[in-house]
Protein backbone atom coordinates (compact mmCIF):
# COMPACT_ATOMS: atom_id res chain seq x y z
CA MET A 1 8.80 13.82 9.91
CA ASN A 2 7.42 16.87 11.66
CA LEU A 3 5.17 19.36 9.89
CA SER A 4 6.15 22.10 12.33
CA ASP A 5 9.45 22.14 10.43
CA ASN A 6 9.19 23.81 7.02
CA LYS A 7 11.72 21.33 5.67
CA TYR A 8 8.79 18.91 5.60
CA ALA A 9 5.76 21.22 5.58
CA GLN A 10 6.72 22.79 2.24
CA PHE A 11 5.88 19.54 0.43
CA HIS A 12 2.36 18.37 -0.42
CA LEU A 13 3.59 14.80 -0.03
CA CYS A 14 4.41 15.25 3.67
CA GLN A 15 1.15 17.12 4.26
CA GLU A 16 -0.84 14.35 2.57
CA MET A 17 0.97 11.64 4.49
CA MET A 18 -0.05 13.37 7.71
CA GLU A 19 -3.61 13.88 6.44
CA THR A 20 -3.84 10.09 6.45
CA VAL A 21 -4.45 10.36 10.19
CA GLN A 22 -7.69 12.29 9.61
CA THR A 23 -8.61 10.02 6.71
CA ILE A 24 -8.54 7.07 9.11
CA SER A 25 -10.38 8.75 11.98
CA LYS A 26 -13.15 10.04 9.68
CA PHE A 27 -13.57 6.85 7.67
CA ASN A 28 -17.17 5.61 7.63
CA PRO A 29 -17.39 1.78 7.60
CA ALA A 30 -20.83 2.05 5.98
CA ASP A 31 -19.06 3.12 2.78
CA ALA A 32 -18.15 -0.54 2.25
CA ASP A 33 -21.73 -1.82 2.44
CA PHE A 34 -22.18 -1.90 -1.34
CA ILE A 35 -19.23 -4.31 -1.60
CA VAL A 36 -20.64 -6.58 1.09
CA GLU A 37 -24.11 -6.64 -0.47
CA SER A 38 -22.69 -7.56 -3.86
CA ALA A 39 -20.25 -10.15 -2.48
CA LEU A 40 -23.12 -11.88 -0.64
CA ARG A 41 -24.89 -12.18 -3.99
CA THR A 42 -21.87 -13.44 -5.97
CA GLY A 43 -19.63 -15.20 -3.44
CA HIS A 44 -16.53 -13.92 -5.27
CA ILE A 45 -14.53 -10.66 -5.40
CA MET A 46 -11.99 -9.60 -8.02
CA PHE A 47 -9.95 -6.60 -6.91
CA SER A 48 -8.47 -4.89 -9.97
CA GLY A 49 -6.58 -1.70 -10.68
CA GLU A 50 -3.04 -0.54 -11.40
CA GLY A 51 -0.08 0.36 -9.18
CA SER A 52 -0.84 1.85 -5.78
CA SER A 53 -4.57 1.65 -6.43
CA ARG A 54 -4.33 -2.15 -6.30
CA ILE A 55 -1.19 -3.32 -4.51
CA MET A 56 -2.05 -2.72 -0.86
CA PRO A 57 -5.85 -2.33 -1.07
CA ALA A 58 -6.27 -5.70 -2.79
CA LYS A 59 -3.53 -7.78 -1.20
CA ASN A 60 -4.25 -6.62 2.33
CA ALA A 61 -7.92 -7.59 1.88
CA ILE A 62 -7.05 -10.98 0.40
CA ARG A 63 -4.69 -11.81 3.25
CA LYS A 64 -7.43 -10.99 5.79
CA ALA A 65 -10.00 -13.06 3.89
CA LEU A 66 -7.68 -16.07 3.82
CA ARG A 67 -6.63 -15.74 7.47
CA TRP A 68 -10.21 -15.52 8.67
CA GLY A 69 -11.51 -18.18 6.32
CA ILE A 70 -14.49 -16.24 5.02
CA PRO A 71 -16.51 -18.07 2.35
CA THR A 72 -16.12 -15.25 -0.19
CA VAL A 73 -13.42 -16.15 -2.71
CA CYS A 74 -11.05 -13.21 -3.32
CA HIS A 75 -8.55 -12.65 -6.14
CA THR A 76 -6.58 -9.79 -7.64
CA ASP A 77 -4.87 -9.03 -10.93
CA GLY A 78 -4.20 -6.03 -13.10
CA SER A 79 -6.86 -5.02 -15.59
CA HIS A 80 -5.43 -6.66 -18.69
CA GLN A 81 -4.96 -10.02 -16.98
CA ALA A 82 -8.28 -9.85 -15.14
CA GLY A 83 -9.90 -9.13 -18.50
CA GLU A 84 -8.89 -12.63 -19.66
CA TYR A 85 -10.93 -14.29 -16.90
CA ASP A 86 -14.55 -15.38 -16.71
CA LEU A 87 -15.75 -12.80 -14.18
CA SER A 88 -19.45 -13.53 -14.60
CA LYS A 89 -19.71 -14.81 -11.02
CA TYR A 90 -17.56 -12.08 -9.49
CA THR A 91 -18.09 -8.79 -7.78
CA VAL A 92 -15.47 -6.73 -9.64
CA LEU A 93 -13.94 -3.73 -7.87
CA LEU A 94 -12.20 -1.33 -10.24
CA ASP A 95 -9.86 0.90 -8.27
CA SER A 96 -8.46 4.03 -9.97
CA ASN A 97 -7.47 7.04 -7.90
CA SER A 98 -7.85 9.35 -10.88
CA GLY A 99 -10.87 7.62 -12.43
CA ARG A 100 -9.07 8.01 -15.78
CA THR A 101 -6.68 5.03 -15.82
CA LYS A 102 -6.67 3.50 -19.30
CA GLU A 103 -6.39 -0.16 -18.26
CA THR A 104 -9.11 0.13 -15.62
CA LEU A 105 -11.51 1.81 -18.02
CA MET A 106 -10.79 -0.89 -20.59
CA LEU A 107 -11.90 -3.58 -18.15
CA ALA A 108 -14.93 -1.56 -17.04
CA ASN A 109 -16.08 -1.15 -20.63
CA GLN A 110 -15.49 -4.86 -21.29
CA LEU A 111 -17.71 -5.77 -18.33
CA LYS A 112 -20.38 -3.32 -19.43
CA ALA A 113 -20.40 -4.79 -22.95
CA ALA A 114 -20.80 -8.27 -21.47
CA GLY A 115 -23.87 -7.15 -19.50
CA HIS A 116 -22.18 -7.64 -16.12
CA LYS A 117 -24.25 -6.33 -13.19
CA GLU A 118 -21.77 -6.47 -10.32
CA TYR A 119 -18.84 -4.20 -11.21
CA PHE A 120 -18.06 -1.06 -9.21
CA GLY A 121 -15.59 1.81 -9.31
CA VAL A 122 -13.49 3.33 -6.54
CA THR A 123 -11.90 6.72 -7.19
CA ALA A 124 -10.82 9.93 -5.46
CA ASN A 125 -12.58 12.20 -7.97
CA PRO A 126 -16.26 12.77 -8.75
CA GLY A 127 -17.52 12.94 -12.33
CA THR A 128 -14.84 10.75 -13.92
CA PRO A 129 -15.03 8.40 -16.92
CA LEU A 130 -14.91 5.47 -14.46
CA GLU A 131 -18.02 6.72 -12.69
CA ASP A 132 -19.76 7.07 -16.05
CA VAL A 133 -19.28 3.41 -16.96
CA CYS A 134 -19.60 1.55 -13.63
CA ILE A 135 -22.82 0.35 -11.99
CA LYS A 136 -21.88 2.38 -8.90
CA THR A 137 -18.74 4.28 -7.94
CA ASN A 138 -17.49 5.06 -4.45
CA VAL A 139 -15.78 8.47 -4.35
CA LEU A 140 -13.19 8.57 -1.57
CA LYS A 141 -13.50 11.25 1.11
CA CYS A 142 -9.75 11.92 1.41
CA GLY A 143 -9.72 14.30 -1.55
CA TRP A 144 -7.38 14.65 -4.51
CA GLU A 145 -3.63 14.55 -3.87
CA GLU A 146 -1.26 17.18 -5.23
CA ALA A 147 1.88 15.05 -4.87
CA VAL A 148 2.52 12.48 -7.61
CA ALA A 149 3.05 9.66 -5.09
CA ALA A 150 -0.31 8.49 -3.70
CA THR A 151 -0.53 8.21 0.09
CA LYS A 152 -3.78 9.04 1.88
CA SER A 153 -5.83 7.64 -1.02
CA VAL A 154 -4.02 4.31 -0.71
CA VAL A 155 -5.00 4.12 2.95
CA GLU A 156 -8.66 4.97 2.35
CA GLN A 157 -8.87 2.49 -0.55
CA THR A 158 -7.33 -0.16 1.70
CA LEU A 159 -9.73 0.64 4.55
CA LEU A 160 -12.69 0.41 2.18
CA PHE A 161 -11.77 -3.07 0.95
CA GLU A 162 -10.64 -4.22 4.39
CA THR A 163 -13.89 -3.10 6.01
CA ALA A 164 -15.83 -5.23 3.51
CA ILE A 165 -13.79 -8.26 4.59
CA TRP A 166 -14.41 -7.48 8.28
CA LYS A 167 -18.14 -7.25 7.65
CA LEU A 168 -18.16 -10.50 5.67
CA ALA A 169 -16.33 -12.10 8.62
CA GLY A 170 -18.92 -10.73 11.07
CA LYS A 171 -16.43 -8.30 12.63
CA ASP A 172 -16.74 -4.57 13.43
CA ILE A 173 -13.77 -2.43 12.41
CA ALA A 174 -15.19 0.85 13.76
CA PRO A 175 -13.87 0.60 17.36
CA CYS A 176 -10.32 0.12 16.02
CA LEU A 177 -10.13 3.23 13.85
CA GLY A 178 -9.45 5.83 16.55
CA ASP A 179 -6.48 3.93 17.95
CA LEU A 180 -5.21 3.24 14.46
CA ALA A 181 -5.15 6.95 13.59
CA ASP A 182 -3.08 7.73 16.70
CA LYS A 183 -0.64 4.91 15.98
CA VAL A 184 -0.18 5.92 12.34
CA LYS A 185 0.59 9.47 13.51
CA LYS A 186 3.23 8.16 15.91
CA ALA A 187 4.81 6.09 13.13
CA LEU A 188 4.94 9.12 10.84
CA GLU A 189 6.65 11.22 13.50
CA LEU A 190 9.15 8.65 14.79
CA PRO A 191 12.80 9.70 14.53
CA ILE A 192 14.53 7.61 11.88
CA PRO A 193 17.96 6.18 12.88
CA ALA A 194 20.76 8.19 11.30
CA ASP A 195 22.55 4.98 10.30
CA ALA A 196 19.51 3.83 8.32
CA VAL A 197 19.42 7.06 6.32
CA LYS A 198 23.18 6.90 5.71
CA TRP A 199 22.97 3.28 4.53
CA ALA A 200 20.13 4.10 2.17
CA HIS A 201 21.93 7.14 0.82
CA GLU A 202 25.00 5.06 -0.03
CA ALA A 203 23.17 1.98 -1.36
CA LYS A 204 22.77 1.29 -5.08
CA THR A 205 19.58 -0.72 -4.48
CA LEU A 206 17.06 -0.77 -1.65
CA TYR A 207 15.48 -4.18 -1.10
CA PHE A 208 12.22 -4.57 0.80
CA ALA A 209 11.37 -7.94 2.32
CA GLY A 210 8.03 -8.86 3.88
CA LEU A 211 4.69 -10.57 3.54
CA ASN A 212 2.60 -10.51 0.37
CA ASP A 213 -0.03 -8.26 1.96
CA GLY A 214 0.74 -5.17 -0.10
CA VAL A 215 2.64 -3.17 2.52
CA THR A 216 6.18 -4.08 1.54
CA GLU A 217 5.42 -4.07 -2.18
CA GLU A 218 3.81 -0.62 -1.93
CA LEU A 219 6.91 0.71 -0.14
CA THR A 220 9.05 -0.74 -2.93
CA LEU A 221 7.08 1.31 -5.46
CA LYS A 222 7.16 4.43 -3.29
CA THR A 223 10.94 4.13 -3.09
CA ASN A 224 11.11 4.77 -6.84
CA GLU A 225 8.66 7.68 -6.75
CA ILE A 226 9.92 9.40 -3.60
CA THR A 227 13.67 8.67 -3.43
CA ARG A 228 14.38 8.09 -7.17
CA ARG A 229 16.29 4.94 -6.19
CA LYS A 230 16.25 1.40 -7.53
CA SER A 231 14.29 -1.03 -5.39
CA ASP A 232 13.16 -4.64 -5.34
CA PHE A 233 10.36 -6.44 -3.49
CA LEU A 234 11.40 -9.74 -1.89
CA GLU A 235 8.20 -11.53 -0.94
CA GLY A 236 8.05 -13.66 2.22
CA THR A 237 11.43 -15.38 2.66
CA TYR A 238 12.41 -14.88 -0.98
CA ALA A 239 15.25 -12.77 0.41
CA LEU A 240 16.82 -16.00 1.70
CA HIS A 241 16.59 -17.88 -1.59
CA GLY A 242 19.06 -16.40 -4.04
CA PRO A 243 18.95 -12.59 -4.32
CA GLU A 244 22.20 -12.35 -2.36
CA GLU A 245 23.94 -13.40 -5.57
CA VAL A 246 23.32 -9.95 -7.09
CA MET A 247 23.32 -7.77 -3.98
CA GLU A 248 26.22 -5.35 -3.91
CA ASP A 249 28.35 -4.25 -0.99
CA GLY A 250 26.53 -1.57 0.96
CA ASP A 251 23.03 -2.26 -0.37
CA LEU A 252 20.20 -1.98 2.16
CA VAL A 253 17.55 -4.59 2.93
CA VAL A 254 14.51 -3.27 4.82
CA VAL A 255 12.67 -6.17 6.43
CA ILE A 256 9.09 -5.54 7.54
CA ASN A 257 8.20 -7.61 10.61
CA PRO A 258 11.03 -10.15 10.17
CA ILE A 259 10.17 -13.76 11.02
CA GLU A 260 11.83 -14.55 14.35
CA SER A 261 12.73 -18.11 13.39
CA GLU A 262 14.71 -16.70 10.45
CA TYR A 263 16.80 -14.14 12.38
CA GLU A 264 19.97 -16.21 12.20
CA LYS A 265 19.45 -17.01 8.54
CA TYR A 266 19.03 -13.31 7.78
CA LYS A 267 22.31 -12.63 9.56
CA THR A 268 24.12 -15.34 7.60
CA VAL A 269 22.74 -14.47 4.16
CA PHE A 270 22.93 -10.71 4.42
CA GLY A 271 26.22 -10.77 6.29
CA GLY A 272 27.69 -12.90 3.52
CA ALA A 273 26.48 -10.40 0.95
CA ASN A 274 27.92 -7.51 3.00
CA VAL A 275 24.64 -5.58 2.96
CA HIS A 276 22.96 -3.58 5.71
CA VAL A 277 19.70 -4.69 7.34
CA LEU A 278 17.02 -2.42 8.76
CA ALA A 279 13.89 -3.85 10.38
CA ILE A 280 10.51 -2.20 10.90
CA ASP A 281 8.73 -4.06 13.69
CA THR A 282 6.69 -3.70 16.87
CA LYS A 283 9.62 -4.88 18.99
CA PRO A 284 13.42 -4.69 18.95
CA THR A 285 15.21 -7.19 16.69
CA PRO A 286 18.88 -8.18 16.31
CA PHE A 287 19.08 -5.56 13.53
CA GLU A 288 18.81 -1.79 13.51
CA THR A 289 15.08 -1.42 14.09
CA ILE A 290 12.38 1.21 13.73
CA VAL A 291 10.01 0.16 16.52
CA VAL A 292 6.38 1.12 15.87
CA PRO A 293 3.21 0.85 17.98
CA GLU A 294 1.29 -2.43 17.93
CA ALA A 295 -2.00 -2.29 16.04
CA GLY A 296 -3.20 -5.89 15.94
CA ASP A 297 -5.15 -6.76 12.79
CA LEU A 298 -4.48 -3.27 11.40
CA GLN A 299 -0.71 -3.42 11.83
CA GLY A 300 0.00 -3.01 8.13
CA TYR A 301 -1.07 0.64 8.13
CA VAL A 302 1.43 1.45 10.88
CA PHE A 303 4.23 -0.36 9.06
CA LEU A 304 3.35 1.57 5.90
CA ALA A 305 3.48 4.92 7.74
CA ALA A 306 6.90 4.12 9.22
CA GLY A 307 8.13 3.19 5.76
CA TRP A 308 6.88 6.49 4.33
CA ASN A 309 8.70 8.29 7.14
CA LEU A 310 11.92 6.49 6.24
CA LEU A 311 11.58 7.29 2.53
CA VAL A 312 11.03 10.99 3.22
CA GLU A 313 14.21 11.14 5.29
CA ILE A 314 16.17 9.38 2.53
CA ALA A 315 14.89 11.85 -0.07
CA MET A 316 15.70 14.82 2.17
CA VAL A 317 19.38 13.86 2.18
CA ASP A 318 19.47 14.29 -1.59
CA GLY A 319 17.42 17.49 -1.61
CA ILE A 320 14.75 15.89 -3.82
CA ASN A 321 11.50 17.67 -4.70
CA LEU A 322 9.12 15.20 -3.07
CA ASP A 323 6.11 16.37 -5.07
CA LYS A 324 7.49 16.18 -8.60
CA PRO A 325 9.41 13.14 -9.85
CA ASN A 326 11.40 13.65 -13.05
CA ARG A 327 9.42 11.14 -15.13
CA ALA A 328 6.65 9.52 -13.10
CA ARG A 329 3.15 10.93 -13.68
CA LYS A 330 0.17 11.33 -11.39
CA VAL A 331 -1.90 9.21 -13.77
CA GLY A 332 0.43 6.50 -15.00
CA ASN A 333 -1.43 5.57 -18.21
CA GLU A 334 -4.30 7.94 -18.78
CA MET A 335 -7.18 7.27 -21.15
């Protein structure tokens, strides 16, 4: 993807994907301080929201919290399910890009009615209904997106929650942000293998396999919004435990950071199903591979950017309007 080419530059989606680079470099880690202060009081965090506002921001943060063994207990669920829980001891983070999401506002109003004192909004817009009801609301600096598919807001939401986990672990994320911005830019501009685009174009279903840290699942959703194609998220090694029964000849499995000890099993299972395999990794693999820069603890953002790049190229083949899906809406279920 190269914005010097009008094929890409004409779409808000491509512009906003590239604006992610500036979103990262300008991100202020102090924006997460309110989360840290609350979490130190409660010892628990519930990340809630719908769709892209929750998938990667919440799951990426939870994976970091578990890997680093911080004492703060972290969970995530959608608003309706989270509303069934006793959240009295939780810092509740209500993430809605629009600030008008029906389910998120429902949970916010439920917490307000219960007299909860530790629930906070995160949105990309000032003066929204979410801001009206929450104790405090963080308004993202990335700005509103014109394309239906969220991109730069997902990254800033994820950085906000991730930074809170870093601070709770006694770590400083600030020195890593400059390098991360450069690496995300490289991933967005990488040439995508022609075979990968051809396979995707001919596939009936695109499968995405990877860790439950939000990256692969978010790309599964973006496949629907950007390419208008069917997709499925295969968590962890789920791809090796039965889905081959329904895979069709010529389908494509995109594996994010495939587990080296499972290379041969991938070959056997996917070869038997007669499907194509594309890897996104920091090193070459036995499969067709999009090789991206290494980014250590922030690797997920680079994988996400490479996946966006791939999806744009797939959509270009079909001449799709990247900014306006036929049915999907900017605010999925608006109050």
